[in-house]
Amino acid sequence: VAQSELAQHKSPGDIWMAVDGHVYDVSKFARLHPGGSQIIEQYAGQDVTGVFFELHRKDVLAKYAKLRVGRLEGAKEDGTLGEVGAISAVPFAEIPAFQGQNSPYYRESHKRLLQAVRSFVQTELEPIAESADLSGEYPDLELRQKLGKSGMFGIRLGPGPWLKALGSLGIKIPGDVAPEDFDYFHEMIAHQEFGRLGRPGFIDSLGAGYGISVPAIFHFGSDEVKRTLGPQLLMGDKHSVLSISEPFAGSDVAALQATAEKTPDGKFYAVNGLKKWITEGMYADYFVTAVRTGKTGTPKDLSMLLVERGPGLETKQIKTTYSTCCGTCMVIMNNVKVPVGNLLGKEGNGFRQIMYNFNHERWIITTSLIGQGRQAVADTFMWARQRKIFGKSLIDQPVIRNKLAASAASLETLQAFLETVTYDMCKTKGGAVGDRLAGPIAMLKYHTTRTAWQIADDCVQIFGGRGITRTGMGAKVEGFKNYVKYAAVYGGSEEILADLSVRMAMRAFPPAAKL
């Protein structure tokens, strides 16, 4: 399309525009534009690339690709949208090892998995993320099955027996990674790639509760439960969540009050009580539930039951500060009959099982937060180059470069800490499980949530009003800013974890050590 032809289409009802070398017919779209048709008419018949990228994210171009009528004559080859799954060259947009840094942690299989997961996220999830997040719509069965059959549920459970089970179900690990080669760095990459969606409510709707409940079923469930329910969970046909927190007890799990008493015939447990802030609970089929089966007043009273949704179990939506699409709820149980075969492990082992799960859960929360933080920093870096104010780009201002430096430095220290702990998990029997890693993981999560506050603050300040808006250029920064506080609370609050990390360190303190 010649410049002269583009310039001819500049009247109401006949409007063409050029963006990044592509020419778009926006004649009909002008009437639908959120800012009204006047702003469109103002730039009709022109190349509006600079103005466009000050106001819109690049993915808007993909959304309206159908409006293209040709390429602008003399325009350079289009590179705006990039190849699906491609590694970014934007500074700090990738784990340093994927931008040229030498690292002992990653192999070619990690890069393959990264690009496979990124392709899935970009093609299957990005297009629906904003609408689902804003509407609060729960993920439907079709989406959950897509996550299951693509392996996206399975790989975010980490290394474990479910990986071989995926193969028996005809599910390949993304990037064609062999189950025996899959490690915690592969899992870390998967969580961070989902984190790049930047909308924490939507991210958590894609398996936050599932990911911390399924391992408990595989580790502690009966052979019959694993044989019948396991495949359905991995395929996405059924959905489970972890159900521990109560109005009466959060970090203090020993104070849980929900009860389970055996019926006179000994075939069932009658479960009564409340659970609160249960992520994904609104659309869960099964609840991995902490209950009190004893009356000694000690942690030995606690047991874990697999409670199926049915008579006596009701869920009610809780509206928190992020999207309701993740189904955060209160679970109300009134004489729910649970078969004794749904006991996970043995009676009285519940506290130990909860602790068994906590290390990995805390590591997952940390990993996702760092992934969201990396996307926020990358978006902020790009915004600082695109946005012009007082006649020059934001990044030309020393104060902006200072904030970017502070955020990037903080981000990379968190990534380095995460990689150190993750390597330890890879080399430790049982992975994250066990007392020795409880302290380091607690400290990692505490340090990450504290440091993420500073990163979020700098990113929001650079974006300004866009950084506190759920749509548009700063949407992922706004999401990250919200998730920081979530991560600081669930899985064990900052204060509890800081204290735990020091108490665990004190166990190894040499008695004779003195100044």
Protein backbone atom coordinates (compact mmCIF):
# COMPACT_ATOMS: atom_id res chain seq x y z
CA VAL A 1 0.00 0.00 0.00
CA ALA A 2 1.54 3.32 -1.06
CA GLN A 3 1.70 6.26 1.35
CA SER A 4 -0.45 8.23 -1.08
CA GLU A 5 -3.16 5.56 -1.06
CA LEU A 6 -3.10 5.38 2.75
CA ALA A 7 -3.57 9.15 2.93
CA GLN A 8 -6.72 8.98 0.81
CA HIS A 9 -8.61 6.98 3.47
CA LYS A 10 -9.10 9.68 6.08
CA SER A 11 -12.82 10.38 6.17
CA PRO A 12 -15.45 9.21 8.68
CA GLY A 13 -16.59 5.82 7.45
CA ASP A 14 -13.44 5.35 5.36
CA ILE A 15 -10.42 5.19 7.67
CA TRP A 16 -7.12 3.43 7.15
CA MET A 17 -4.15 3.52 9.50
CA ALA A 18 -0.65 2.04 9.47
CA VAL A 19 0.88 0.42 12.55
CA ASP A 20 4.36 -1.11 12.46
CA GLY A 21 4.25 -1.55 8.68
CA HIS A 22 0.75 -3.05 8.45
CA VAL A 23 -2.19 -1.10 7.07
CA TYR A 24 -5.53 -1.55 8.83
CA ASP A 25 -9.04 -0.65 7.70
CA VAL A 26 -10.60 0.65 10.93
CA SER A 27 -13.68 2.23 9.33
CA LYS A 28 -16.18 0.07 11.21
CA PHE A 29 -14.00 -0.41 14.26
CA ALA A 30 -13.88 3.37 14.85
CA ARG A 31 -17.47 3.30 16.12
CA LEU A 32 -16.55 0.58 18.64
CA HIS A 33 -13.32 2.13 19.89
CA PRO A 34 -13.44 2.59 23.70
CA GLY A 35 -12.19 6.16 23.34
CA GLY A 36 -14.77 7.01 20.69
CA SER A 37 -14.39 7.51 16.95
CA GLN A 38 -13.01 11.04 17.24
CA ILE A 39 -9.53 9.91 18.29
CA ILE A 40 -9.44 7.45 15.37
CA GLU A 41 -10.57 10.09 12.90
CA GLN A 42 -7.87 12.45 14.19
CA TYR A 43 -5.14 10.10 12.96
CA ALA A 44 -6.91 8.75 9.86
CA GLY A 45 -4.76 8.12 6.80
CA GLN A 46 -1.50 8.21 8.78
CA ASP A 47 1.24 5.93 10.11
CA VAL A 48 0.39 5.93 13.82
CA THR A 49 3.01 3.44 15.05
CA GLY A 50 4.49 5.75 17.68
CA VAL A 51 1.14 6.86 19.08
CA PHE A 52 -0.22 3.31 19.06
CA PHE A 53 2.58 1.87 21.18
CA GLU A 54 2.20 4.61 23.75
CA LEU A 55 -1.38 3.51 24.29
CA HIS A 56 -1.64 -0.21 23.53
CA ARG A 57 0.09 -3.52 24.13
CA LYS A 58 1.39 -5.28 21.03
CA ASP A 59 -1.02 -8.22 21.45
CA VAL A 60 -3.85 -5.89 20.43
CA LEU A 61 -2.46 -6.12 16.89
CA ALA A 62 -2.89 -9.89 16.88
CA LYS A 63 -6.45 -9.50 18.12
CA TYR A 64 -7.34 -7.24 15.19
CA ALA A 65 -5.18 -8.87 12.50
CA LYS A 66 -8.35 -9.48 10.46
CA LEU A 67 -8.54 -5.73 9.79
CA ARG A 68 -5.29 -5.72 7.83
CA VAL A 69 -5.52 -4.73 4.17
CA GLY A 70 -1.83 -4.89 3.30
CA ARG A 71 1.73 -3.81 4.05
CA LEU A 72 2.85 -0.22 3.85
CA GLU A 73 5.14 0.37 0.91
CA GLY A 74 8.80 0.42 2.00
CA ALA A 75 8.04 -0.89 5.50
CA LYS A 76 10.63 -3.11 7.13
CA GLU A 77 9.85 -6.77 7.75
CA ASP A 78 7.31 -7.15 10.55
CA GLY A 79 8.83 -8.28 13.85
CA THR A 80 6.44 -6.79 16.36
CA LEU A 81 4.52 -9.89 17.35
CA GLY A 82 7.51 -12.23 17.20
CA GLU A 83 7.49 -15.97 16.82
CA VAL A 84 5.25 -17.89 19.21
CA GLY A 85 7.34 -19.34 22.03
CA ALA A 86 10.44 -17.34 21.10
CA ILE A 87 13.07 -16.31 23.64
CA SER A 88 13.00 -12.55 24.22
CA ALA A 89 16.03 -10.28 23.77
CA VAL A 90 14.52 -7.56 26.01
CA PRO A 91 16.88 -7.02 28.98
CA PHE A 92 15.81 -8.93 32.12
CA ALA A 93 12.84 -10.50 30.29
CA GLU A 94 14.33 -13.99 30.63
CA ILE A 95 16.10 -16.09 33.22
CA PRO A 96 19.72 -14.95 32.63
CA ALA A 97 20.78 -18.42 31.47
CA PHE A 98 18.49 -18.04 28.45
CA GLN A 99 20.02 -14.70 27.50
CA GLY A 100 23.62 -15.84 27.33
CA GLN A 101 24.70 -16.22 30.96
CA ASN A 102 26.71 -19.36 31.68
CA SER A 103 24.84 -21.52 34.17
CA PRO A 104 25.35 -25.02 35.60
CA TYR A 105 21.63 -25.54 36.14
CA TYR A 106 20.06 -25.72 32.70
CA ARG A 107 20.23 -28.18 29.81
CA GLU A 108 18.79 -28.14 26.33
CA SER A 109 15.68 -29.91 27.65
CA HIS A 110 14.95 -26.92 29.88
CA LYS A 111 14.96 -24.58 26.90
CA ARG A 112 12.71 -26.96 24.92
CA LEU A 113 10.23 -27.13 27.78
CA LEU A 114 10.32 -23.36 28.25
CA GLN A 115 9.45 -22.73 24.61
CA ALA A 116 6.77 -25.44 24.54
CA VAL A 117 5.05 -24.09 27.67
CA ARG A 118 5.39 -20.51 26.43
CA SER A 119 3.78 -21.46 23.11
CA PHE A 120 0.85 -23.03 24.97
CA VAL A 121 0.45 -20.00 27.23
CA GLN A 122 0.61 -17.56 24.32
CA THR A 123 -1.79 -19.43 22.05
CA GLU A 124 -4.26 -21.00 24.49
CA LEU A 125 -4.28 -18.77 27.58
CA GLU A 126 -3.25 -15.21 26.70
CA PRO A 127 -6.24 -14.70 24.37
CA ILE A 128 -8.72 -15.50 27.16
CA ALA A 129 -6.82 -14.23 30.21
CA GLU A 130 -8.15 -10.68 30.35
CA SER A 131 -11.80 -11.52 29.72
CA ALA A 132 -11.80 -14.38 32.25
CA ASP A 133 -10.01 -12.28 34.85
CA LEU A 134 -12.38 -9.33 34.48
CA SER A 135 -15.58 -11.38 34.26
CA GLY A 136 -14.66 -13.71 37.11
CA GLU A 137 -15.69 -16.69 35.00
CA TYR A 138 -14.42 -20.06 36.25
CA PRO A 139 -12.39 -22.23 33.86
CA ASP A 140 -14.74 -24.71 32.22
CA LEU A 141 -14.22 -28.46 31.89
CA GLU A 142 -12.95 -28.08 28.34
CA LEU A 143 -10.12 -25.79 29.44
CA ARG A 144 -9.19 -28.03 32.37
CA GLN A 145 -9.08 -31.04 30.05
CA LYS A 146 -6.88 -29.07 27.65
CA LEU A 147 -4.49 -28.34 30.53
CA GLY A 148 -4.53 -32.01 31.47
CA LYS A 149 -4.06 -33.58 28.05
CA SER A 150 -1.31 -31.12 27.11
CA GLY A 151 0.66 -32.09 30.22
CA MET A 152 0.36 -28.60 31.69
CA PHE A 153 -1.25 -29.92 34.86
CA GLY A 154 1.19 -32.79 35.29
CA ILE A 155 4.45 -30.87 34.89
CA ARG A 156 3.43 -28.28 37.48
CA LEU A 157 3.20 -31.05 40.09
CA GLY A 158 6.98 -31.46 39.85
CA PRO A 159 9.02 -34.67 39.73
CA GLY A 160 7.03 -37.65 41.00
CA PRO A 161 5.16 -40.84 40.14
CA TRP A 162 2.55 -38.93 38.13
CA LEU A 163 5.08 -38.24 35.37
CA LYS A 164 5.24 -41.90 34.35
CA ALA A 165 1.48 -42.07 34.71
CA LEU A 166 1.21 -39.31 32.11
CA GLY A 167 2.91 -41.56 29.58
CA SER A 168 0.49 -44.40 30.24
CA LEU A 169 -2.34 -41.96 29.46
CA GLY A 170 -0.75 -40.90 26.17
CA ILE A 171 0.29 -37.49 27.53
CA LYS A 172 3.73 -36.21 26.55
CA ILE A 173 5.78 -33.89 28.72
CA PRO A 174 6.05 -30.57 26.82
CA GLY A 175 9.33 -30.24 24.97
CA ASP A 176 9.54 -34.05 24.77
CA VAL A 177 11.34 -34.21 28.11
CA ALA A 178 11.71 -37.77 29.36
CA PRO A 179 10.10 -38.40 32.77
CA GLU A 180 13.44 -39.55 34.22
CA ASP A 181 15.11 -36.31 33.07
CA PHE A 182 12.42 -33.99 34.44
CA ASP A 183 13.65 -32.05 37.48
CA TYR A 184 12.62 -29.13 39.65
CA PHE A 185 14.16 -26.65 37.21
CA HIS A 186 11.70 -27.87 34.57
CA GLU A 187 8.88 -27.38 37.04
CA MET A 188 10.22 -23.93 38.00
CA ILE A 189 10.21 -22.85 34.37
CA ALA A 190 6.61 -24.02 33.91
CA HIS A 191 5.39 -22.03 36.93
CA GLN A 192 7.24 -18.92 35.78
CA GLU A 193 5.83 -19.18 32.26
CA PHE A 194 2.29 -19.35 33.64
CA GLY A 195 3.25 -16.42 35.89
CA ARG A 196 3.94 -14.34 32.78
CA LEU A 197 0.20 -14.15 32.23
CA GLY A 198 0.36 -11.41 34.85
CA ARG A 199 -3.20 -11.85 36.08
CA PRO A 200 -2.94 -13.67 39.41
CA GLY A 201 -6.61 -14.56 39.72
CA PHE A 202 -6.61 -16.18 36.30
CA ILE A 203 -3.24 -17.86 36.95
CA ASP A 204 -4.52 -19.40 40.18
CA SER A 205 -7.66 -20.60 38.39
CA LEU A 206 -5.43 -22.82 36.24
CA GLY A 207 -4.33 -25.18 39.00
CA ALA A 208 -3.20 -23.37 42.17
CA GLY A 209 -5.37 -25.53 44.43
CA TYR A 210 -4.98 -28.56 42.18
CA GLY A 211 -1.19 -28.42 42.23
CA ILE A 212 -0.91 -28.64 46.01
CA SER A 213 -3.57 -31.32 46.45
CA VAL A 214 -2.84 -33.94 43.77
CA PRO A 215 0.60 -34.85 45.18
CA ALA A 216 -1.04 -35.64 48.53
CA ILE A 217 -3.46 -38.00 46.77
CA PHE A 218 -0.64 -39.78 44.93
CA HIS A 219 1.62 -39.98 47.99
CA PHE A 220 -0.91 -40.91 50.65
CA GLY A 221 -4.01 -42.21 48.86
CA SER A 222 -4.92 -45.88 48.73
CA ASP A 223 -4.00 -47.94 45.67
CA GLU A 224 -7.67 -47.95 44.72
CA VAL A 225 -7.95 -44.15 44.91
CA LYS A 226 -4.80 -43.70 42.86
CA ARG A 227 -5.96 -46.26 40.29
CA THR A 228 -9.44 -44.80 39.81
CA LEU A 229 -9.09 -41.10 40.53
CA GLY A 230 -5.45 -40.50 39.58
CA PRO A 231 -5.92 -40.71 35.79
CA GLN A 232 -9.03 -38.51 35.93
CA LEU A 233 -7.08 -35.82 37.77
CA LEU A 234 -4.14 -35.92 35.36
CA MET A 235 -6.45 -35.79 32.34
CA GLY A 236 -8.34 -32.80 33.74
CA ASP A 237 -11.60 -34.74 33.92
CA LYS A 238 -11.76 -34.20 37.69
CA HIS A 239 -10.38 -31.40 39.85
CA SER A 240 -9.10 -31.49 43.42
CA VAL A 241 -8.03 -28.75 45.84
CA LEU A 242 -6.30 -28.48 49.19
CA SER A 243 -8.68 -27.62 52.02
CA ILE A 244 -6.86 -26.75 55.24
CA SER A 245 -7.33 -23.11 56.34
CA GLU A 246 -10.30 -22.25 58.53
CA PRO A 247 -11.84 -19.12 60.00
CA PHE A 248 -10.25 -20.33 63.25
CA ALA A 249 -6.78 -21.32 62.01
CA GLY A 250 -4.47 -20.33 59.19
CA SER A 251 -0.73 -20.68 59.76
CA ASP A 252 -1.53 -22.37 63.10
CA VAL A 253 -2.71 -25.61 61.51
CA ALA A 254 -2.64 -27.47 64.83
CA ALA A 255 -5.65 -25.36 65.89
CA LEU A 256 -7.96 -26.68 63.15
CA GLN A 257 -11.49 -27.44 64.33
CA ALA A 258 -13.15 -29.41 61.51
CA THR A 259 -13.98 -32.90 62.80
CA ALA A 260 -14.38 -36.38 61.36
CA GLU A 261 -16.02 -39.12 63.42
CA LYS A 262 -16.62 -42.67 62.28
CA THR A 263 -20.21 -43.75 61.82
CA PRO A 264 -21.48 -46.62 64.01
CA ASP A 265 -21.03 -49.11 61.16
CA GLY A 266 -17.40 -48.08 60.75
CA LYS A 267 -17.76 -47.56 56.99
CA PHE A 268 -17.74 -43.77 56.86
CA TYR A 269 -16.44 -40.63 58.51
CA ALA A 270 -19.02 -37.95 59.28
CA VAL A 271 -17.26 -34.66 58.56
CA ASN A 272 -18.35 -31.34 60.03
CA GLY A 273 -16.74 -27.92 59.93
CA LEU A 274 -15.74 -24.89 57.88
CA LYS A 275 -12.83 -24.26 55.56
CA LYS A 276 -12.02 -20.80 54.26
CA TRP A 277 -9.98 -19.18 51.47
CA ILE A 278 -9.90 -22.42 49.52
CA THR A 279 -8.49 -21.58 46.08
CA GLU A 280 -10.39 -23.21 43.18
CA GLY A 281 -12.90 -24.64 45.63
CA MET A 282 -15.96 -23.39 43.74
CA TYR A 283 -15.40 -25.81 40.87
CA ALA A 284 -13.55 -28.61 42.66
CA ASP A 285 -14.80 -32.19 42.65
CA TYR A 286 -12.59 -33.32 45.55
CA PHE A 287 -11.20 -31.63 48.66
CA VAL A 288 -8.01 -32.86 50.34
CA THR A 289 -9.21 -31.90 53.80
CA ALA A 290 -7.49 -31.61 57.16
CA VAL A 291 -9.77 -32.82 59.94
CA ARG A 292 -9.59 -33.63 63.64
CA THR A 293 -10.11 -37.35 64.28
CA GLY A 294 -8.78 -37.44 67.86
CA LYS A 295 -9.45 -35.58 71.07
CA THR A 296 -6.05 -35.44 72.78
CA GLY A 297 -5.55 -31.74 72.03
CA THR A 298 -2.27 -32.45 70.21
CA PRO A 299 -1.22 -32.46 66.53
CA LYS A 300 -1.71 -36.24 66.59
CA ASP A 301 -5.46 -35.56 66.46
CA LEU A 302 -5.20 -34.44 62.82
CA SER A 303 -5.84 -36.62 59.78
CA MET A 304 -6.29 -36.00 56.06
CA LEU A 305 -9.40 -37.09 54.16
CA LEU A 306 -10.28 -37.00 50.49
CA VAL A 307 -13.76 -35.49 50.56
CA GLU A 308 -15.86 -35.72 47.42
CA ARG A 309 -18.35 -32.98 46.60
CA GLY A 310 -21.80 -34.29 47.43
CA PRO A 311 -24.66 -34.13 49.96
CA GLY A 312 -23.79 -31.98 52.96
CA LEU A 313 -20.93 -30.12 51.28
CA GLU A 314 -21.55 -26.57 50.12
CA THR A 315 -19.17 -23.97 48.69
CA LYS A 316 -19.67 -20.21 48.81
CA GLN A 317 -17.63 -17.69 46.81
CA ILE A 318 -15.32 -15.37 48.75
CA LYS A 319 -14.53 -12.10 47.00
CA THR A 320 -10.91 -11.17 47.55
CA THR A 321 -8.88 -8.39 45.93
CA TYR A 322 -8.11 -10.42 42.85
CA SER A 323 -10.45 -12.05 40.35
CA THR A 324 -13.19 -14.43 41.44
CA CYS A 325 -12.36 -16.64 38.43
CA CYS A 326 -10.09 -18.73 40.68
CA GLY A 327 -13.09 -19.77 42.76
CA THR A 328 -11.77 -18.87 46.22
CA CYS A 329 -14.43 -20.07 48.63
CA MET A 330 -15.70 -21.14 51.98
CA VAL A 331 -16.37 -24.87 52.28
CA ILE A 332 -19.26 -25.77 54.60
CA MET A 333 -19.48 -29.41 55.67
CA ASN A 334 -22.51 -30.74 57.52
CA ASN A 335 -22.37 -34.48 58.24
CA VAL A 336 -20.65 -35.21 54.96
CA LYS A 337 -20.23 -38.97 54.64
CA VAL A 338 -16.74 -39.91 53.50
CA PRO A 339 -15.80 -43.59 52.92
CA VAL A 340 -13.06 -44.77 55.27
CA GLY A 341 -11.11 -45.78 52.16
CA ASN A 342 -10.69 -42.06 51.45
CA LEU A 343 -8.44 -41.64 54.48
CA LEU A 344 -5.07 -40.40 53.21
CA GLY A 345 -2.35 -42.34 55.01
CA LYS A 346 -3.13 -43.19 58.61
CA GLU A 347 -5.21 -41.52 61.28
CA GLY A 348 -3.13 -39.10 63.30
CA ASN A 349 -0.62 -38.47 60.50
CA GLY A 350 -2.41 -35.38 59.19
CA PHE A 351 -0.09 -32.80 60.72
CA ARG A 352 2.95 -34.56 59.29
CA GLN A 353 1.30 -34.76 55.86
CA ILE A 354 0.45 -31.04 55.92
CA MET A 355 4.06 -30.21 56.76
CA TYR A 356 5.20 -32.63 54.05
CA ASN A 357 3.26 -30.58 51.52
CA PHE A 358 4.18 -27.11 52.78
CA ASN A 359 7.78 -26.86 51.56
CA HIS A 360 6.86 -27.52 47.95
CA GLU A 361 3.80 -25.26 48.15
CA ARG A 362 5.91 -22.38 49.45
CA TRP A 363 8.48 -22.93 46.73
CA ILE A 364 5.71 -22.87 44.09
CA ILE A 365 4.30 -19.58 45.43
CA THR A 366 7.79 -18.07 45.36
CA THR A 367 8.48 -19.33 41.84
CA SER A 368 5.22 -17.96 40.46
CA LEU A 369 5.80 -14.59 42.13
CA ILE A 370 9.27 -14.28 40.60
CA GLY A 371 7.82 -15.22 37.18
CA GLN A 372 5.19 -12.50 37.49
CA GLY A 373 7.86 -10.09 38.67
CA ARG A 374 10.04 -10.80 35.65
CA GLN A 375 7.15 -10.05 33.30
CA ALA A 376 6.42 -6.85 35.21
CA VAL A 377 10.05 -5.70 34.97
CA ALA A 378 10.22 -6.56 31.24
CA ASP A 379 6.97 -4.68 30.57
CA THR A 380 8.25 -1.71 32.55
CA PHE A 381 11.52 -1.68 30.64
CA MET A 382 9.65 -1.67 27.31
CA TRP A 383 7.23 0.98 28.53
CA ALA A 384 10.08 3.25 29.61
CA ARG A 385 11.45 3.15 26.07
CA GLN A 386 8.08 3.62 24.36
CA ARG A 387 6.56 6.31 26.55
CA LYS A 388 7.54 9.87 25.73
CA ILE A 389 7.12 12.71 28.20
CA PHE A 390 8.47 16.26 28.12
CA GLY A 391 9.75 15.56 24.62
CA LYS A 392 11.82 12.44 25.36
CA SER A 393 11.50 8.81 26.36
CA LEU A 394 10.99 7.98 30.01
CA ILE A 395 14.18 5.93 30.01
CA ASP A 396 16.17 9.08 29.20
CA GLN A 397 15.36 10.31 32.71
CA PRO A 398 18.07 9.28 35.26
CA VAL A 399 15.48 8.68 37.99
CA ILE A 400 13.70 6.12 35.77
CA ARG A 401 16.95 4.29 34.97
CA ASN A 402 17.68 4.19 38.69
CA LYS A 403 14.33 2.55 39.43
CA LEU A 404 14.85 0.06 36.61
CA ALA A 405 18.30 -0.80 37.94
CA ALA A 406 16.96 -1.33 41.47
CA SER A 407 14.13 -3.55 40.23
CA ALA A 408 16.32 -5.61 37.90
CA ALA A 409 19.00 -6.11 40.56
CA SER A 410 16.41 -7.23 43.09
CA LEU A 411 14.77 -9.56 40.57
CA GLU A 412 18.04 -11.27 39.67
CA THR A 413 19.07 -11.74 43.31
CA LEU A 414 15.74 -13.48 43.91
CA GLN A 415 16.24 -15.67 40.84
CA ALA A 416 19.74 -16.61 42.02
CA PHE A 417 18.43 -17.50 45.50
CA LEU A 418 15.62 -19.53 43.93
CA GLU A 419 18.07 -21.43 41.70
CA THR A 420 20.31 -22.26 44.66
CA VAL A 421 17.40 -23.71 46.63
CA THR A 422 16.04 -25.49 43.54
CA TYR A 423 19.42 -27.13 42.90
CA ASP A 424 19.44 -28.30 46.53
CA MET A 425 15.97 -29.79 45.99
CA CYS A 426 17.23 -31.64 42.90
CA LYS A 427 20.11 -33.19 44.84
CA THR A 428 18.16 -34.00 48.01
CA LYS A 429 16.38 -37.32 48.39
CA GLY A 430 12.66 -36.59 48.34
CA GLY A 431 13.15 -33.14 46.85
CA ALA A 432 11.61 -30.34 48.87
CA VAL A 433 10.36 -32.71 51.55
CA GLY A 434 12.09 -32.82 54.90
CA ASP A 435 13.22 -30.64 57.78
CA ARG A 436 16.55 -29.59 56.28
CA LEU A 437 14.97 -27.64 53.42
CA ALA A 438 12.16 -26.17 55.54
CA GLY A 439 14.37 -23.30 56.75
CA PRO A 440 15.91 -22.34 53.38
CA ILE A 441 12.54 -22.46 51.59
CA ALA A 442 10.90 -20.42 54.35
CA MET A 443 13.67 -17.82 54.10
CA LEU A 444 13.42 -17.81 50.30
CA LYS A 445 9.69 -17.12 50.39
CA TYR A 446 10.05 -14.45 53.10
CA HIS A 447 12.85 -12.67 51.24
CA THR A 448 11.01 -12.90 47.91
CA THR A 449 7.76 -11.39 49.15
CA ARG A 450 9.57 -8.59 50.99
CA THR A 451 11.77 -7.75 48.00
CA ALA A 452 8.90 -8.03 45.52
CA TRP A 453 7.23 -5.08 47.27
CA GLN A 454 10.08 -2.84 46.16
CA ILE A 455 10.01 -4.20 42.60
CA ALA A 456 6.24 -3.71 42.35
CA ASP A 457 6.49 -0.20 43.78
CA ASP A 458 9.10 0.87 41.22
CA CYS A 459 7.19 -0.67 38.32
CA VAL A 460 3.92 0.98 39.32
CA GLN A 461 5.61 4.37 39.72
CA ILE A 462 7.09 4.15 36.23
CA PHE A 463 3.75 3.13 34.70
CA GLY A 464 1.80 5.73 36.67
CA GLY A 465 -1.97 5.39 36.36
CA ARG A 466 -1.57 2.47 33.97
CA GLY A 467 0.15 0.54 36.75
CA ILE A 468 -3.04 0.52 38.82
CA THR A 469 -5.38 -0.29 35.93
CA ARG A 470 -6.53 -3.86 35.29
CA THR A 471 -6.53 -3.47 31.52
CA GLY A 472 -4.13 -2.02 28.97
CA MET A 473 -0.40 -1.41 29.02
CA GLY A 474 0.17 -1.82 32.76
CA ALA A 475 -2.25 -4.68 33.43
CA LYS A 476 0.48 -7.19 34.29
CA VAL A 477 2.19 -4.72 36.60
CA GLU A 478 -1.13 -4.12 38.37
CA GLY A 479 -1.59 -7.88 38.70
CA PHE A 480 1.91 -8.39 40.08
CA LYS A 481 1.39 -5.58 42.59
CA ASN A 482 -1.71 -7.37 43.89
CA TYR A 483 -0.14 -10.82 43.99
CA VAL A 484 2.77 -9.68 46.14
CA LYS A 485 0.49 -9.40 49.17
CA TYR A 486 -1.22 -12.71 48.41
CA ALA A 487 2.15 -14.45 48.30
CA ALA A 488 3.10 -12.79 51.59
CA VAL A 489 0.06 -14.31 53.29
CA TYR A 490 -0.76 -17.73 51.99
CA GLY A 491 1.34 -20.83 52.37
CA GLY A 492 2.47 -19.35 55.70
CA SER A 493 2.69 -15.64 56.46
CA GLU A 494 5.95 -13.71 56.19
CA GLU A 495 6.29 -13.39 59.95
CA ILE A 496 5.77 -17.12 60.57
CA LEU A 497 8.27 -18.07 57.85
CA ALA A 498 10.92 -15.58 58.97
CA ASP A 499 10.69 -17.03 62.48
CA LEU A 500 10.74 -20.60 61.14
CA SER A 501 13.87 -19.98 59.10
CA VAL A 502 15.77 -18.76 62.17
CA ARG A 503 14.44 -21.51 64.44
CA MET A 504 15.51 -24.14 61.91
CA ALA A 505 18.96 -22.53 61.67
CA MET A 506 19.27 -22.61 65.47
CA ARG A 507 18.90 -26.39 65.45
CA ALA A 508 22.34 -26.65 63.87
CA PHE A 509 23.92 -23.96 66.05
CA PRO A 510 27.09 -25.37 67.62
CA PRO A 511 26.72 -25.18 71.42
CA ALA A 512 30.32 -24.14 71.96
CA ALA A 513 30.29 -21.27 69.43
CA LYS A 514 30.99 -17.87 71.01
CA LEU A 515 32.20 -14.47 69.85
